C-alpha atoms as a PDB file:
ATOM      1  CA  MET A   1     -17.736  25.078   5.979  1.00  0.00           C
ATOM      2  CA  ALA A   2     -20.767  23.107   4.860  1.00  0.00           C
ATOM      3  CA  LEU A   3     -23.923  24.863   3.782  1.00  0.00           C
ATOM      4  CA  ARG A   4     -27.494  23.730   4.367  1.00  0.00           C
ATOM      5  CA  LEU A   5     -30.255  24.973   2.184  1.00  0.00           C
ATOM      6  CA  PRO A   6     -33.744  25.438   3.557  1.00  0.00           C
ATOM      7  CA  GLY A   7     -35.887  22.369   3.028  1.00  0.00           C
ATOM      8  CA  GLN A   8     -32.876  20.060   2.750  1.00  0.00           C
ATOM      9  CA  GLY A   9     -33.752  18.298   6.021  1.00  0.00           C
ATOM     10  CA  GLY A  10     -30.306  18.885   7.468  1.00  0.00           C
ATOM     11  CA  ARG A  11     -28.449  17.300   4.540  1.00  0.00           C
ATOM     12  CA  ARG A  12     -25.108  18.886   3.892  1.00  0.00           C
ATOM     13  CA  LEU A  13     -23.992  20.197   0.545  1.00  0.00           C
ATOM     14  CA  GLN A  14     -20.520  19.197  -0.428  1.00  0.00           C
ATOM     15  CA  THR A  15     -17.986  21.964  -0.327  1.00  0.00           C
ATOM     16  CA  GLY A  16     -14.852  22.165  -2.397  1.00  0.00           C
ATOM     17  CA  LEU A  17     -12.851  20.777   0.518  1.00  0.00           C
ATOM     18  CA  ASP A  18     -15.208  17.807   0.897  1.00  0.00           C
ATOM     19  CA  THR A  19     -14.794  17.028  -2.782  1.00  0.00           C
ATOM     20  CA  LEU A  20     -11.016  17.366  -2.533  1.00  0.00           C
ATOM     21  CA  ASP A  21     -10.910  15.078   0.515  1.00  0.00           C
ATOM     22  CA  HIS A  22     -12.957  12.502  -1.374  1.00  0.00           C
ATOM     23  CA  GLU A  23     -10.657  12.684  -4.394  1.00  0.00           C
ATOM     24  CA  LEU A  24      -7.531  12.419  -2.231  1.00  0.00           C
ATOM     25  CA  ALA A  25      -8.913   9.372  -0.413  1.00  0.00           C
ATOM     26  CA  GLY A  26      -9.583   7.718  -3.756  1.00  0.00           C
ATOM     27  CA  GLU A  27      -6.074   8.438  -5.000  1.00  0.00           C
ATOM     28  CA  MET A  28      -4.540   7.082  -1.793  1.00  0.00           C
ATOM     29  CA  ALA A  29      -6.592   3.888  -2.083  1.00  0.00           C
ATOM     30  CA  THR A  30      -5.580   3.452  -5.717  1.00  0.00           C
ATOM     31  CA  SER A  31      -1.927   3.997  -4.897  1.00  0.00           C
ATOM     32  CA  LEU A  32      -2.062   1.528  -2.007  1.00  0.00           C
ATOM     33  CA  GLY A  33      -3.732  -1.058  -4.235  1.00  0.00           C
ATOM     34  CA  ARG A  34      -1.105  -0.603  -6.936  1.00  0.00           C
ATOM     35  CA  ALA A  35       1.695  -1.027  -4.382  1.00  0.00           C
ATOM     36  CA  GLY A  36      -0.008  -4.154  -3.028  1.00  0.00           C
ATOM     37  CA  ARG A  37      -0.235  -5.672  -6.509  1.00  0.00           C
ATOM     38  CA  ARG A  38       3.477  -5.015  -7.021  1.00  0.00           C
ATOM     39  CA  VAL A  39       4.235  -6.812  -3.741  1.00  0.00           C
ATOM     40  CA  ALA A  40       2.146  -9.795  -4.806  1.00  0.00           C
ATOM     41  CA  GLU A  41       3.817  -9.943  -8.234  1.00  0.00           C
ATOM     42  CA  THR A  42       7.385  -9.701  -6.938  1.00  0.00           C
ATOM     43  CA  LEU A  43       6.745 -12.262  -4.180  1.00  0.00           C
ATOM     44  CA  ALA A  44       5.221 -14.678  -6.709  1.00  0.00           C
ATOM     45  CA  ALA A  45       8.273 -14.315  -8.939  1.00  0.00           C
ATOM     46  CA  LEU A  46      10.551 -14.924  -5.958  1.00  0.00           C
ATOM     47  CA  LYS A  47       8.590 -17.990  -4.886  1.00  0.00           C
ATOM     48  CA  ALA A  48       8.652 -19.417  -8.417  1.00  0.00           C
ATOM     49  CA  HIS A  49      12.450 -19.158  -8.521  1.00  0.00           C
ATOM     50  CA  GLU A  50      13.744 -21.570  -5.881  1.00  0.00           C
ATOM     51  CA  CYS A  51      17.358 -21.839  -7.066  1.00  0.00           C
ATOM     52  CA  ARG A  52      19.953 -20.058  -4.958  1.00  0.00           C
ATOM     53  CA  ASP A  53      21.682 -18.095  -7.698  1.00  0.00           C
ATOM     54  CA  GLU A  54      22.248 -14.540  -8.881  1.00  0.00           C
ATOM     55  CA  ALA A  55      18.742 -14.276 -10.348  1.00  0.00           C
ATOM     56  CA  ARG A  56      17.192 -15.046  -6.952  1.00  0.00           C
ATOM     57  CA  ILE A  57      19.256 -12.279  -5.360  1.00  0.00           C
ATOM     58  CA  VAL A  58      17.848  -9.806  -7.906  1.00  0.00           C
ATOM     59  CA  LEU A  59      14.290 -11.081  -7.339  1.00  0.00           C
ATOM     60  CA  ARG A  60      14.709 -10.864  -3.551  1.00  0.00           C
ATOM     61  CA  LYS A  61      15.913  -7.258  -3.832  1.00  0.00           C
ATOM     62  CA  ALA A  62      12.955  -6.381  -6.088  1.00  0.00           C
ATOM     63  CA  ALA A  63      10.563  -7.957  -3.565  1.00  0.00           C
ATOM     64  CA  ALA A  64      12.178  -6.105  -0.666  1.00  0.00           C
ATOM     65  CA  ASP A  65      11.923  -2.810  -2.577  1.00  0.00           C
ATOM     66  CA  ALA A  66       8.252  -3.472  -3.356  1.00  0.00           C
ATOM     67  CA  VAL A  67       7.451  -4.365   0.264  1.00  0.00           C
ATOM     68  CA  HIS A  68       9.321  -1.289   1.516  1.00  0.00           C
ATOM     69  CA  ALA A  69       7.343   0.969  -0.836  1.00  0.00           C
ATOM     70  CA  TYR A  70       4.095  -0.748   0.205  1.00  0.00           C
ATOM     71  CA  PHE A  71       4.823  -0.222   3.898  1.00  0.00           C
ATOM     72  CA  ILE A  72       5.536   3.462   3.270  1.00  0.00           C
ATOM     73  CA  GLN A  73       2.277   3.770   1.340  1.00  0.00           C
ATOM     74  CA  ARG A  74       0.394   2.090   4.211  1.00  0.00           C
ATOM     75  CA  GLU A  75       1.917   4.519   6.694  1.00  0.00           C
ATOM     76  CA  LEU A  76       0.914   7.479   4.542  1.00  0.00           C
ATOM     77  CA  VAL A  77      -2.738   6.438   4.800  1.00  0.00           C
ATOM     78  CA  GLY A  78      -2.458   5.921   8.558  1.00  0.00           C
ATOM     79  CA  LEU A  79      -1.860   2.162   8.764  1.00  0.00           C
ATOM     80  CA  ARG A  80       1.121   1.895  11.091  1.00  0.00           C
ATOM     81  CA  ARG A  81       1.085  -1.822  11.984  1.00  0.00           C
ATOM     82  CA  HIS A  82       2.200  -4.156   9.224  1.00  0.00           C
ATOM     83  CA  HIS A  83       1.655  -7.532  10.929  1.00  0.00           C
ATOM     84  CA  ASP A  84      -1.537  -8.264   9.001  1.00  0.00           C
ATOM     85  CA  ALA A  85       0.034  -7.319   5.675  1.00  0.00           C
ATOM     86  CA  ILE A  86       3.024  -9.547   6.391  1.00  0.00           C
ATOM     87  CA  LYS A  87       0.675 -12.441   7.137  1.00  0.00           C
ATOM     88  CA  ASP A  88      -1.734 -11.764   4.233  1.00  0.00           C
ATOM     89  CA  TYR A  89       1.020 -11.527   1.638  1.00  0.00           C
ATOM     90  CA  ALA A  90       3.085 -14.284   3.331  1.00  0.00           C
ATOM     91  CA  ILE A  91       6.182 -12.112   3.124  1.00  0.00           C
ATOM     92  CA  PRO A  92       9.161 -14.399   3.784  1.00  0.00           C
ATOM     93  CA  ASP A  93      11.772 -13.627   6.410  1.00  0.00           C
ATOM     94  CA  GLU A  94      14.468 -13.364   3.750  1.00  0.00           C
ATOM     95  CA  VAL A  95      12.613 -10.340   2.324  1.00  0.00           C
ATOM     96  CA  LEU A  96      11.743  -8.798   5.688  1.00  0.00           C
ATOM     97  CA  ALA A  97      15.395  -9.021   6.744  1.00  0.00           C
ATOM     98  CA  ARG A  98      16.292  -6.626   3.929  1.00  0.00           C
ATOM     99  CA  LEU A  99      13.903  -3.858   4.981  1.00  0.00           C
ATOM    100  CA  GLY A 100      16.289  -2.266   7.468  1.00  0.00           C
ATOM    101  CA  ALA A 101      18.009   1.089   7.107  1.00  0.00           C
ATOM    102  CA  ARG A 102      18.409   2.214   3.519  1.00  0.00           C
END
């Protein structure tokens, strides 16, 4: 419940819940940003390694794990459609193919 003091012109005072909501939103944004940076880093490493060898398999798995975690983080903040993220990060099909059932 928000309180209004006389002479405040209808401005609301923040309650404890408002402050908590603000803090939680900040933490969710930070976490989503961190997950996005991990996606970018793992995809860059995968792109830099073009050889089809054992190292690429490890890099592809790391990228798939990072993308999977990022998608979960997006869903936790209410972003259910991942088409834009796939396009923005240029996530290759070889990574997307590994996001199935775990």
